[in-house]
Amino acid sequence: MGIRKRKWGPKDPVTGEQKWKWVVDYATTERDEETGRLKRHIKTFDRKKDADTWAAETLINVKKGTHTPHSKSITVQKAGEKWLDSCDDLERSTRDQYQQHLKFHINPLLGALKLSELTVPIVSDWQSKLRKAGRSPAMVRKVTTSLSTLLSHAMEGGDIAQNVVKSMSSRRKKRKVERRAKRKAKAGVDIPEPNEIDALLQHTTDERWRAFFLVAIRCGLRSSELRGLRWLDVDLKKSELHVRQRADRYNRIGNPKSEDSHRVVKIPPATLAALKTWKLQCPRGELGLVFPNGQGNVETHSNIIERGLIPAWERAGVTKPVLSESGKPARDEEGRLIVEAKYSGLHALRHYFVSWCLARPPVGRGLTLKETSELAGHSNIAITADVYGHLLPRDDTAQLAAAEGKFG
């Protein structure tokens, strides 16, 4: 493998300056069919430093047999198409999300580039352009993850030697730390307070919504799991329910989110009584759902939020002021404050369930992180620790003193 300086194009007609490039000339392990000699390739750079770095990395990859010459490299867009073709076994909503990431965020800026052209600076510049175009930090992280998955798939297929996104290790570790800090669920912001939950249940007299809210609050099911829950999965005699399926955003019944989402959850007495009362009135359908729509079919997530949850919070008085464009509380024509539900998502009830499991009796159940993680159906205990670990009870001074004993 050699590196040489080479004239590049004619001299500038005005200044008379000659342009130069640094050329890396190297051979791969492939042989020409006619001559039997090793095939040679070249790659050009503006700076010798870049040429030296690339040559050192490429020499290692050539010896490993993982190098793909630039001339044979496919584009990012083509690699994306191959990646999507391999995602047929994923849920439709997940595949649709990947397709949107490619169409709107990856292909417009990187699609025409060959995989061999991707470098850490190029990926960093792409991320910066996304942010400048108005993409949120969360969206940039999501599409970067999709790009990384795309490149990993290309590596498995032999279309590229390395995943440059994973090479950004130091930046990725920093983002991971920041992401963990941001993921912590906060009481009164993400997690309803106990008095707010009491108000919600007190002002919910409809049998259907009362049973629905209680199962969400005391059993911790996800929205998709609540929508897919069947009566045959609820054992009223043993006071337990089994999570065996879910309903996706397209109202299609399928497997739970992950293998760890399959679980058995005990039903507390008040929740059990509400379910028994609701079962007598529940619309019947072929799917045998616990919380169906009026025709016995899968209820949509939007209906649950707009017709059930938000009105219930508003009746309970658990609201917050709507802010104007200037950031001040908005008022109607009569000068009254305009308010909205403090918690607009169903996941707030699941957050409460986890915090209730971790809190000490008599306020909560006093369970360990592992026990809570299993009941919530998290894929691993790290998720529970990252989001809720700070909610674990801490011993106060009196308890520490008692634990020391008389003689320290």
Protein backbone atom coordinates (compact mmCIF):
# COMPACT_ATOMS: atom_id res chain seq x y z
CA MET A 1 0.00 0.00 0.00
CA GLY A 2 1.50 3.29 -1.13
CA ILE A 3 0.70 6.97 -0.67
CA ARG A 4 1.83 9.53 -3.24
CA LYS A 5 1.21 13.15 -4.14
CA ARG A 6 -0.36 13.68 -7.55
CA LYS A 7 -1.30 16.63 -9.74
CA TRP A 8 -5.07 17.04 -9.91
CA GLY A 9 -6.56 18.79 -12.93
CA PRO A 10 -5.17 21.73 -14.90
CA LYS A 11 -3.61 24.83 -13.35
CA ASP A 12 -5.87 27.65 -12.27
CA PRO A 13 -6.14 29.97 -15.31
CA VAL A 14 -6.02 33.07 -13.11
CA THR A 15 -3.46 32.28 -10.38
CA GLY A 16 -1.54 29.59 -12.24
CA GLU A 17 -1.65 27.38 -9.13
CA GLN A 18 -1.60 23.63 -9.51
CA LYS A 19 -4.04 21.52 -7.45
CA TRP A 20 -2.68 18.41 -5.74
CA LYS A 21 -4.24 15.30 -4.23
CA TRP A 22 -2.88 12.56 -2.01
CA VAL A 23 -3.52 9.15 -3.56
CA VAL A 24 -3.62 5.86 -1.67
CA ASP A 25 -2.77 2.97 -4.02
CA TYR A 26 -3.52 -0.45 -2.59
CA ALA A 27 -4.37 -4.05 -3.48
CA THR A 28 -7.21 -6.18 -2.12
CA THR A 29 -7.39 -9.94 -1.69
CA GLU A 30 -9.45 -10.27 -4.90
CA ARG A 31 -7.72 -11.43 -8.07
CA ASP A 32 -8.32 -10.40 -11.66
CA GLU A 33 -9.96 -13.26 -13.60
CA GLU A 34 -7.78 -12.71 -16.68
CA THR A 35 -4.32 -12.00 -15.23
CA GLY A 36 -4.67 -13.68 -11.85
CA ARG A 37 -3.09 -10.68 -10.17
CA LEU A 38 -4.42 -8.98 -7.08
CA LYS A 39 -6.83 -6.18 -7.96
CA ARG A 40 -5.57 -2.67 -7.22
CA HIS A 41 -7.62 0.36 -6.21
CA ILE A 42 -7.00 4.02 -5.48
CA LYS A 43 -8.61 6.57 -3.19
CA THR A 44 -7.79 10.29 -3.19
CA PHE A 45 -7.62 12.82 -0.34
CA ASP A 46 -7.04 16.55 -0.03
CA ARG A 47 -4.77 16.15 3.00
CA LYS A 48 -1.92 13.71 3.64
CA LYS A 49 -3.11 13.31 7.25
CA ASP A 50 -6.46 11.96 6.06
CA ALA A 51 -4.76 9.68 3.55
CA ASP A 52 -2.44 8.24 6.23
CA THR A 53 -5.31 7.59 8.65
CA TRP A 54 -7.48 5.93 6.01
CA ALA A 55 -4.60 3.81 4.71
CA ALA A 56 -3.79 2.49 8.20
CA GLU A 57 -7.40 1.49 8.86
CA THR A 58 -7.87 0.01 5.38
CA LEU A 59 -4.72 -2.09 5.60
CA ILE A 60 -6.13 -3.80 8.70
CA ASN A 61 -9.53 -4.37 7.03
CA VAL A 62 -7.92 -5.76 3.86
CA LYS A 63 -5.99 -8.30 5.94
CA LYS A 64 -9.20 -9.25 7.74
CA GLY A 65 -10.99 -9.60 4.42
CA THR A 66 -13.67 -7.07 5.44
CA HIS A 67 -12.74 -4.17 3.14
CA THR A 68 -15.13 -3.09 0.37
CA PRO A 69 -13.50 -0.96 -2.39
CA HIS A 70 -15.16 2.39 -3.09
CA SER A 71 -15.98 1.34 -6.66
CA LYS A 72 -18.04 -1.60 -5.38
CA SER A 73 -19.62 0.15 -2.44
CA ILE A 74 -23.39 0.72 -2.54
CA THR A 75 -25.10 3.97 -1.58
CA VAL A 76 -26.66 4.68 1.80
CA GLN A 77 -30.08 4.75 0.11
CA LYS A 78 -29.55 1.29 -1.41
CA ALA A 79 -28.31 -0.03 1.93
CA GLY A 80 -31.44 1.44 3.53
CA GLU A 81 -33.67 -0.42 1.07
CA LYS A 82 -31.90 -3.70 1.85
CA TRP A 83 -32.26 -3.01 5.56
CA LEU A 84 -36.01 -2.35 5.25
CA ASP A 85 -36.44 -5.59 3.28
CA SER A 86 -34.99 -7.45 6.26
CA CYS A 87 -37.52 -5.86 8.65
CA ASP A 88 -40.58 -7.77 7.44
CA ASP A 89 -40.84 -9.65 10.73
CA LEU A 90 -41.11 -6.44 12.77
CA GLU A 91 -44.36 -4.75 13.76
CA ARG A 92 -45.88 -2.59 11.06
CA SER A 93 -45.59 0.55 13.22
CA THR A 94 -41.85 -0.06 13.80
CA ARG A 95 -41.16 -0.64 10.11
CA ASP A 96 -43.16 2.47 9.20
CA GLN A 97 -41.05 4.50 11.62
CA TYR A 98 -37.83 3.22 10.04
CA GLN A 99 -39.18 4.07 6.59
CA GLN A 100 -39.96 7.62 7.71
CA HIS A 101 -36.48 8.01 9.17
CA LEU A 102 -34.97 7.04 5.83
CA LYS A 103 -37.32 9.14 3.72
CA PHE A 104 -37.25 12.37 5.69
CA HIS A 105 -34.01 12.40 7.65
CA ILE A 106 -31.35 10.06 6.22
CA ASN A 107 -31.75 9.86 2.44
CA PRO A 108 -32.13 13.61 1.74
CA LEU A 109 -28.65 14.32 3.15
CA LEU A 110 -26.78 11.00 3.04
CA GLY A 111 -28.66 8.81 0.56
CA ALA A 112 -26.46 9.58 -2.48
CA LEU A 113 -23.21 8.90 -0.60
CA LYS A 114 -21.56 5.52 -0.87
CA LEU A 115 -21.14 3.58 2.34
CA SER A 116 -17.37 3.74 1.93
CA GLU A 117 -17.55 7.54 1.97
CA LEU A 118 -19.16 7.75 5.40
CA THR A 119 -16.85 9.08 8.09
CA VAL A 120 -17.30 10.32 11.65
CA PRO A 121 -17.06 14.00 10.53
CA ILE A 122 -19.71 13.41 7.85
CA VAL A 123 -22.10 11.82 10.34
CA SER A 124 -21.46 14.62 12.86
CA ASP A 125 -22.13 17.22 10.16
CA TRP A 126 -25.34 15.39 9.22
CA GLN A 127 -26.52 15.50 12.83
CA SER A 128 -25.75 19.23 13.01
CA LYS A 129 -27.75 19.88 9.84
CA LEU A 130 -30.72 17.99 11.26
CA ARG A 131 -30.65 20.09 14.41
CA LYS A 132 -30.36 23.31 12.42
CA ALA A 133 -33.34 22.20 10.31
CA GLY A 134 -35.47 22.08 13.46
CA ARG A 135 -35.28 18.40 14.43
CA SER A 136 -35.52 17.90 18.18
CA PRO A 137 -32.62 16.30 20.09
CA ALA A 138 -34.82 13.26 20.65
CA MET A 139 -35.49 12.90 16.92
CA VAL A 140 -31.79 13.27 16.07
CA ARG A 141 -31.00 10.49 18.53
CA LYS A 142 -33.70 8.24 17.05
CA VAL A 143 -32.62 8.66 13.42
CA THR A 144 -28.95 8.24 14.40
CA THR A 145 -29.88 4.93 16.00
CA SER A 146 -31.67 3.96 12.78
CA LEU A 147 -28.58 4.89 10.74
CA SER A 148 -26.42 2.81 13.07
CA THR A 149 -28.77 -0.18 12.71
CA LEU A 150 -28.69 0.27 8.93
CA LEU A 151 -24.87 0.24 8.92
CA SER A 152 -24.75 -2.82 11.21
CA HIS A 153 -27.01 -4.64 8.75
CA ALA A 154 -24.72 -3.56 5.89
CA MET A 155 -21.73 -4.95 7.81
CA GLU A 156 -23.46 -8.30 8.20
CA GLY A 157 -24.05 -8.36 4.45
CA GLY A 158 -20.42 -7.50 3.66
CA ASP A 159 -21.27 -4.09 2.15
CA ILE A 160 -19.15 -2.11 4.62
CA ALA A 161 -16.26 -2.81 6.95
CA GLN A 162 -17.19 -0.67 9.94
CA ASN A 163 -20.07 1.18 11.55
CA VAL A 164 -18.90 4.79 11.82
CA VAL A 165 -21.79 5.67 14.13
CA LYS A 166 -20.52 3.18 16.70
CA SER A 167 -17.04 4.66 16.25
CA MET A 168 -18.33 7.84 17.84
CA SER A 169 -17.92 6.13 21.23
CA SER A 170 -16.97 9.09 23.41
CA ARG A 171 -19.83 11.25 22.16
CA ARG A 172 -22.25 8.37 22.40
CA LYS A 173 -21.29 7.70 26.04
CA LYS A 174 -21.81 11.37 26.85
CA ARG A 175 -25.22 11.36 25.22
CA LYS A 176 -26.11 8.17 27.10
CA VAL A 177 -25.36 9.82 30.44
CA GLU A 178 -27.42 12.87 29.46
CA ARG A 179 -30.25 10.67 28.23
CA ARG A 180 -30.35 8.72 31.48
CA ALA A 181 -30.59 11.96 33.44
CA LYS A 182 -33.43 13.18 31.26
CA ARG A 183 -35.28 9.86 31.49
CA LYS A 184 -35.78 10.13 35.25
CA ALA A 185 -39.50 10.35 35.90
CA LYS A 186 -40.38 13.28 38.17
CA ALA A 187 -43.22 13.36 40.69
CA GLY A 188 -45.80 15.98 39.84
CA VAL A 189 -44.44 16.27 36.28
CA ASP A 190 -44.39 12.75 34.86
CA ILE A 191 -45.81 10.87 37.85
CA PRO A 192 -49.16 11.91 39.38
CA GLU A 193 -49.16 12.58 43.11
CA PRO A 194 -51.16 10.17 45.34
CA ASN A 195 -53.78 12.86 46.05
CA GLU A 196 -54.19 13.42 42.29
CA ILE A 197 -54.78 9.70 41.73
CA ASP A 198 -57.33 9.72 44.57
CA ALA A 199 -59.12 12.67 42.94
CA LEU A 200 -59.15 10.92 39.56
CA LEU A 201 -60.77 7.79 40.99
CA GLN A 202 -63.15 9.74 43.20
CA HIS A 203 -64.52 11.70 40.23
CA THR A 204 -64.77 8.66 37.92
CA THR A 205 -68.19 7.10 38.37
CA ASP A 206 -68.52 5.43 34.95
CA GLU A 207 -67.98 1.69 35.54
CA ARG A 208 -65.96 1.20 32.38
CA TRP A 209 -63.47 4.01 32.97
CA ARG A 210 -63.17 3.28 36.67
CA ALA A 211 -62.18 -0.33 35.95
CA PHE A 212 -59.85 0.80 33.15
CA PHE A 213 -58.06 3.39 35.29
CA LEU A 214 -57.71 1.01 38.24
CA VAL A 215 -56.11 -1.71 36.09
CA ALA A 216 -53.70 0.89 34.66
CA ILE A 217 -52.87 2.33 38.09
CA ARG A 218 -52.72 -0.87 40.18
CA CYS A 219 -51.52 -3.41 37.58
CA GLY A 220 -49.25 -1.18 35.46
CA LEU A 221 -50.31 -2.34 32.00
CA ARG A 222 -49.25 -0.37 28.96
CA SER A 223 -51.92 1.26 26.80
CA SER A 224 -51.46 -1.39 24.11
CA GLU A 225 -51.73 -4.17 26.72
CA LEU A 226 -54.92 -2.68 28.20
CA ARG A 227 -56.46 -2.45 24.73
CA GLY A 228 -55.53 -6.06 23.97
CA LEU A 229 -56.47 -7.56 27.37
CA ARG A 230 -59.00 -10.44 27.15
CA TRP A 231 -61.35 -11.78 29.78
CA LEU A 232 -59.79 -15.23 29.40
CA ASP A 233 -56.51 -13.63 30.55
CA VAL A 234 -58.17 -12.36 33.75
CA ASP A 235 -58.59 -14.93 36.53
CA LEU A 236 -61.13 -13.36 38.88
CA LYS A 237 -60.94 -16.32 41.29
CA LYS A 238 -57.17 -16.17 41.70
CA SER A 239 -57.14 -12.34 41.54
CA GLU A 240 -54.54 -12.19 38.79
CA LEU A 241 -54.25 -11.27 35.13
CA HIS A 242 -51.91 -12.54 32.43
CA VAL A 243 -50.34 -10.24 29.82
CA ARG A 244 -50.23 -12.38 26.68
CA GLN A 245 -51.03 -9.99 23.83
CA ARG A 246 -51.36 -6.32 22.88
CA ALA A 247 -53.13 -4.13 20.32
CA ASP A 248 -50.85 -1.89 18.21
CA ARG A 249 -51.62 1.60 16.90
CA TYR A 250 -53.41 0.04 13.93
CA ASN A 251 -55.72 -1.90 16.31
CA ARG A 252 -54.09 -5.14 15.24
CA ILE A 253 -53.69 -7.83 17.91
CA GLY A 254 -50.18 -9.24 18.30
CA ASN A 255 -47.51 -10.34 20.77
CA PRO A 256 -46.49 -8.11 23.69
CA LYS A 257 -43.70 -5.55 23.25
CA SER A 258 -40.95 -7.99 24.29
CA GLU A 259 -40.51 -11.44 25.78
CA ASP A 260 -40.26 -9.87 29.25
CA SER A 261 -43.65 -8.23 28.70
CA HIS A 262 -45.28 -11.64 29.15
CA ARG A 263 -46.11 -11.62 32.86
CA VAL A 264 -48.60 -12.37 35.62
CA VAL A 265 -49.84 -9.50 37.79
CA LYS A 266 -51.85 -9.76 41.02
CA ILE A 267 -55.08 -7.75 41.09
CA PRO A 268 -55.73 -5.74 44.31
CA PRO A 269 -59.19 -6.09 45.94
CA ALA A 270 -60.70 -2.73 44.85
CA THR A 271 -59.53 -3.27 41.28
CA LEU A 272 -60.89 -6.82 41.30
CA ALA A 273 -64.31 -5.58 42.49
CA ALA A 274 -64.38 -2.94 39.74
CA LEU A 275 -63.58 -5.58 37.10
CA LYS A 276 -66.34 -7.89 38.35
CA THR A 277 -68.86 -5.02 38.15
CA TRP A 278 -67.67 -3.98 34.70
CA LYS A 279 -67.78 -7.53 33.30
CA LEU A 280 -71.57 -7.59 33.70
CA GLN A 281 -71.88 -4.53 31.41
CA CYS A 282 -68.96 -5.07 29.03
CA PRO A 283 -69.89 -5.23 25.30
CA ARG A 284 -69.20 -8.65 23.90
CA GLY A 285 -67.25 -9.32 20.75
CA GLU A 286 -65.38 -12.09 18.99
CA LEU A 287 -62.10 -10.96 20.54
CA GLY A 288 -63.44 -11.19 24.11
CA LEU A 289 -61.74 -7.96 25.15
CA VAL A 290 -61.98 -6.46 28.64
CA PHE A 291 -62.02 -2.85 27.43
CA PRO A 292 -63.46 -2.89 23.87
CA ASN A 293 -65.35 -0.16 22.03
CA GLY A 294 -69.14 -0.19 21.85
CA GLN A 295 -69.09 -2.86 19.12
CA GLY A 296 -66.79 -5.20 21.03
CA ASN A 297 -63.74 -4.39 18.87
CA VAL A 298 -60.36 -2.90 19.79
CA GLU A 299 -60.70 0.61 21.21
CA THR A 300 -58.38 3.21 19.70
CA HIS A 301 -55.73 4.87 21.82
CA SER A 302 -56.95 8.35 20.83
CA ASN A 303 -60.49 7.59 22.05
CA ILE A 304 -59.14 6.44 25.40
CA ILE A 305 -57.21 9.70 25.81
CA GLU A 306 -59.79 12.14 24.42
CA ARG A 307 -63.00 10.52 25.74
CA GLY A 308 -61.75 8.90 28.90
CA LEU A 309 -58.51 10.15 30.45
CA ILE A 310 -58.47 13.89 29.74
CA PRO A 311 -62.14 14.48 30.73
CA ALA A 312 -61.52 12.50 33.93
CA TRP A 313 -58.52 14.63 34.91
CA GLU A 314 -60.49 17.78 34.20
CA ARG A 315 -63.44 16.60 36.32
CA ALA A 316 -61.02 15.83 39.12
CA GLY A 317 -59.54 19.33 38.89
CA VAL A 318 -56.06 18.00 38.11
CA THR A 319 -55.24 20.69 35.58
CA LYS A 320 -52.62 23.27 34.66
CA PRO A 321 -52.89 26.70 32.98
CA VAL A 322 -52.62 26.91 29.20
CA LEU A 323 -49.76 29.27 28.35
CA SER A 324 -49.97 31.95 25.69
CA GLU A 325 -47.26 32.58 23.08
CA SER A 326 -45.61 34.98 25.51
CA GLY A 327 -45.40 32.25 28.14
CA LYS A 328 -48.06 33.74 30.42
CA PRO A 329 -51.28 31.96 31.54
CA ALA A 330 -53.94 32.39 28.85
CA ARG A 331 -57.42 33.72 29.67
CA ASP A 332 -60.75 33.56 27.87
CA GLU A 333 -62.89 36.55 26.85
CA GLU A 334 -64.31 36.81 30.36
CA GLY A 335 -60.89 36.87 31.96
CA ARG A 336 -60.99 33.34 33.34
CA LEU A 337 -57.90 31.17 33.25
CA ILE A 338 -57.84 28.57 30.48
CA VAL A 339 -56.72 25.21 31.83
CA GLU A 340 -56.00 21.74 30.46
CA ALA A 341 -55.40 18.31 31.94
CA LYS A 342 -52.09 18.22 33.83
CA TYR A 343 -51.27 14.74 32.48
CA SER A 344 -52.27 14.16 28.87
CA GLY A 345 -50.80 10.69 28.38
CA LEU A 346 -51.87 7.29 29.68
CA HIS A 347 -48.26 6.46 30.50
CA ALA A 348 -48.54 8.73 33.55
CA LEU A 349 -50.68 6.04 35.20
CA ARG A 350 -48.03 3.42 34.45
CA HIS A 351 -45.40 5.73 35.94
CA TYR A 352 -47.55 5.94 39.07
CA PHE A 353 -47.81 2.14 39.26
CA VAL A 354 -44.02 1.78 39.33
CA SER A 355 -43.61 4.52 41.95
CA TRP A 356 -46.35 2.87 44.03
CA CYS A 357 -44.54 -0.47 43.86
CA LEU A 358 -41.27 1.10 45.04
CA ALA A 359 -42.71 3.30 47.83
CA ARG A 360 -42.68 2.01 51.42
CA PRO A 361 -45.88 0.73 53.05
CA PRO A 362 -48.44 1.95 53.90
CA VAL A 363 -48.12 4.43 51.00
CA GLY A 364 -46.75 1.81 48.61
CA ARG A 365 -45.78 -1.84 48.34
CA GLY A 366 -42.08 -1.61 49.19
CA LEU A 367 -40.92 -3.90 46.37
CA THR A 368 -37.35 -4.19 45.12
CA LEU A 369 -36.20 -2.88 41.74
CA LYS A 370 -36.09 -6.43 40.37
CA GLU A 371 -39.62 -7.26 41.55
CA THR A 372 -40.95 -3.98 40.18
CA SER A 373 -39.16 -4.45 36.86
CA GLU A 374 -40.76 -7.89 36.43
CA LEU A 375 -44.24 -6.60 37.26
CA ALA A 376 -43.87 -3.66 34.86
CA GLY A 377 -42.63 -5.96 32.08
CA HIS A 378 -39.43 -3.98 31.44
CA SER A 379 -36.96 -5.72 29.16
CA ASN A 380 -34.24 -5.35 31.80
CA ILE A 381 -33.77 -3.97 35.29
CA ALA A 382 -31.53 -1.15 33.97
CA ILE A 383 -34.59 0.56 32.49
CA THR A 384 -36.34 0.51 35.86
CA ALA A 385 -33.21 1.76 37.62
CA ASP A 386 -32.56 4.57 35.11
CA VAL A 387 -36.10 5.94 35.12
CA TYR A 388 -37.25 5.20 38.68
CA GLY A 389 -34.18 4.35 40.77
CA HIS A 390 -34.11 7.79 42.36
CA LEU A 391 -37.59 7.11 43.80
CA LEU A 392 -36.34 4.30 46.02
CA PRO A 393 -36.78 5.09 49.73
CA ARG A 394 -33.64 6.33 51.48
CA ASP A 395 -32.93 5.58 55.16
CA ASP A 396 -33.12 8.63 57.40
CA THR A 397 -30.78 9.45 60.26
CA ALA A 398 -32.92 7.76 62.94
CA GLN A 399 -33.07 4.52 60.99
CA LEU A 400 -29.32 4.59 60.41
CA ALA A 401 -28.71 5.08 64.10
CA ALA A 402 -31.01 2.19 64.99
CA ALA A 403 -29.26 -0.02 62.44
CA GLU A 404 -25.84 0.69 64.03
CA GLY A 405 -26.88 -0.84 67.33
CA LYS A 406 -25.78 0.17 70.84
CA PHE A 407 -22.06 -0.26 70.30
CA GLY A 408 -21.75 1.06 66.75
